[in-house]
C-alpha cells in the first residue's frame, strides 16, 4: 500500500481495522449520510478507546466509476 499506484477498498479497511484493532471514520463526498465507521467489531459508533483514523472518500464519474480514499491527517 506504500506504492502510490496501489489501492485498497472497503474490505482492505475492514482487514486493517481487525488486524490493528483500530477504527476508520470514512467521510464521503457522495451525500451527507454516507459517512461510515469501519471498526474491528463492526460497530456503527465511534469507540473512544480505540485509535481513530479519518479518511475522505470520493467517487469519480465518467466512463467508469472509480472510488478513492484519501487521508485526512492533522499535522
C-alpha atoms as a PDB file:
ATOM      1  CA  UNK A   1       0.000   0.000   0.000  1.00  0.00           C
ATOM      2  CA  UNK A   2       3.023   2.296   0.269  1.00  0.00           C
ATOM      3  CA  UNK A   3       3.272   2.361  -3.532  1.00  0.00           C
ATOM      4  CA  UNK A   4       1.315   5.284  -4.959  1.00  0.00           C
ATOM      5  CA  UNK A   5      -0.211   3.002  -7.594  1.00  0.00           C
ATOM      6  CA  UNK A   6      -1.595   0.503  -5.057  1.00  0.00           C
ATOM      7  CA  UNK A   7      -5.178   0.976  -3.918  1.00  0.00           C
ATOM      8  CA  UNK A   8      -7.450  -0.607  -1.351  1.00  0.00           C
ATOM      9  CA  UNK A   9     -11.183  -0.874  -0.912  1.00  0.00           C
ATOM     10  CA  UNK A  10     -13.715  -1.351   1.878  1.00  0.00           C
ATOM     11  CA  UNK A  11     -12.521  -4.915   2.536  1.00  0.00           C
ATOM     12  CA  UNK A  12      -8.962  -3.606   2.925  1.00  0.00           C
ATOM     13  CA  UNK A  13     -10.183  -1.162   5.585  1.00  0.00           C
ATOM     14  CA  UNK A  14     -12.055  -3.919   7.434  1.00  0.00           C
ATOM     15  CA  UNK A  15      -8.943  -6.127   7.408  1.00  0.00           C
ATOM     16  CA  UNK A  16      -6.707  -3.264   8.605  1.00  0.00           C
ATOM     17  CA  UNK A  17      -9.156  -2.426  11.398  1.00  0.00           C
ATOM     18  CA  UNK A  18      -9.290  -6.038  12.581  1.00  0.00           C
ATOM     19  CA  UNK A  19      -5.541  -6.682  12.335  1.00  0.00           C
ATOM     20  CA  UNK A  20      -4.590  -3.472  14.153  1.00  0.00           C
ATOM     21  CA  UNK A  21      -7.599  -3.038  16.478  1.00  0.00           C
ATOM     22  CA  UNK A  22      -8.288   0.434  15.116  1.00  0.00           C
ATOM     23  CA  UNK A  23     -11.227   2.215  13.536  1.00  0.00           C
ATOM     24  CA  UNK A  24     -11.705   4.382  10.488  1.00  0.00           C
ATOM     25  CA  UNK A  25     -14.169   7.221  10.124  1.00  0.00           C
ATOM     26  CA  UNK A  26     -14.821   7.467   6.387  1.00  0.00           C
ATOM     27  CA  UNK A  27     -16.292  10.818   5.369  1.00  0.00           C
ATOM     28  CA  UNK A  28     -17.874  10.521   1.929  1.00  0.00           C
ATOM     29  CA  UNK A  29     -18.443  13.330  -0.533  1.00  0.00           C
ATOM     30  CA  UNK A  30     -21.328  11.459  -2.186  1.00  0.00           C
ATOM     31  CA  UNK A  31     -24.033  12.581   0.256  1.00  0.00           C
ATOM     32  CA  UNK A  32     -24.266  13.878   3.815  1.00  0.00           C
ATOM     33  CA  UNK A  33     -25.451  10.480   5.039  1.00  0.00           C
ATOM     34  CA  UNK A  34     -22.619   8.384   3.571  1.00  0.00           C
ATOM     35  CA  UNK A  35     -20.156   8.801   6.469  1.00  0.00           C
ATOM     36  CA  UNK A  36     -19.270   5.339   7.805  1.00  0.00           C
ATOM     37  CA  UNK A  37     -17.411   3.808  10.731  1.00  0.00           C
ATOM     38  CA  UNK A  38     -15.183   0.839   9.872  1.00  0.00           C
ATOM     39  CA  UNK A  39     -14.025  -0.936  13.022  1.00  0.00           C
ATOM     40  CA  UNK A  40     -12.692  -4.268  14.238  1.00  0.00           C
ATOM     41  CA  UNK A  41     -16.000  -5.184  15.886  1.00  0.00           C
ATOM     42  CA  UNK A  42     -18.225  -3.873  13.048  1.00  0.00           C
ATOM     43  CA  UNK A  43     -19.975  -1.341  15.260  1.00  0.00           C
ATOM     44  CA  UNK A  44     -21.585   1.754  13.733  1.00  0.00           C
ATOM     45  CA  UNK A  45     -20.481   4.030  16.576  1.00  0.00           C
ATOM     46  CA  UNK A  46     -17.097   5.597  17.268  1.00  0.00           C
ATOM     47  CA  UNK A  47     -15.298   3.784  20.090  1.00  0.00           C
ATOM     48  CA  UNK A  48     -13.498   6.369  22.228  1.00  0.00           C
ATOM     49  CA  UNK A  49     -10.939   3.827  23.492  1.00  0.00           C
ATOM     50  CA  UNK A  50      -9.685   2.836  20.009  1.00  0.00           C
ATOM     51  CA  UNK A  51      -7.222   4.704  17.806  1.00  0.00           C
ATOM     52  CA  UNK A  52      -9.160   6.500  15.078  1.00  0.00           C
ATOM     53  CA  UNK A  53      -8.094   7.356  11.550  1.00  0.00           C
ATOM     54  CA  UNK A  54     -10.099   9.753   9.402  1.00  0.00           C
ATOM     55  CA  UNK A  55     -10.396   9.111   5.680  1.00  0.00           C
ATOM     56  CA  UNK A  56     -12.153  11.007   2.943  1.00  0.00           C
ATOM     57  CA  UNK A  57     -13.970   9.104   0.190  1.00  0.00           C
ATOM     58  CA  UNK A  58     -14.843  10.390  -3.246  1.00  0.00           C
ATOM     59  CA  UNK A  59     -16.104   8.821  -6.436  1.00  0.00           C
ATOM     60  CA  UNK A  60     -15.027   9.931  -9.878  1.00  0.00           C
ATOM     61  CA  UNK A  61     -17.710   9.811 -12.516  1.00  0.00           C
ATOM     62  CA  UNK A  62     -17.164   9.478 -16.222  1.00  0.00           C
ATOM     63  CA  UNK A  63     -16.698   6.453 -18.448  1.00  0.00           C
ATOM     64  CA  UNK A  64     -16.114   4.309 -15.376  1.00  0.00           C
ATOM     65  CA  UNK A  65     -16.897   4.831 -11.731  1.00  0.00           C
ATOM     66  CA  UNK A  66     -13.699   4.924  -9.692  1.00  0.00           C
ATOM     67  CA  UNK A  67     -13.761   5.342  -5.939  1.00  0.00           C
ATOM     68  CA  UNK A  68     -10.868   6.651  -3.862  1.00  0.00           C
ATOM     69  CA  UNK A  69      -9.989   7.071  -0.201  1.00  0.00           C
ATOM     70  CA  UNK A  70      -7.839   9.973   0.932  1.00  0.00           C
ATOM     71  CA  UNK A  71      -6.093  10.515   4.259  1.00  0.00           C
ATOM     72  CA  UNK A  72      -7.375  13.326   6.476  1.00  0.00           C
ATOM     73  CA  UNK A  73      -4.226  13.842   8.574  1.00  0.00           C
ATOM     74  CA  UNK A  74      -3.880  16.638  11.063  1.00  0.00           C
ATOM     75  CA  UNK A  75      -0.247  17.733  11.471  1.00  0.00           C
END
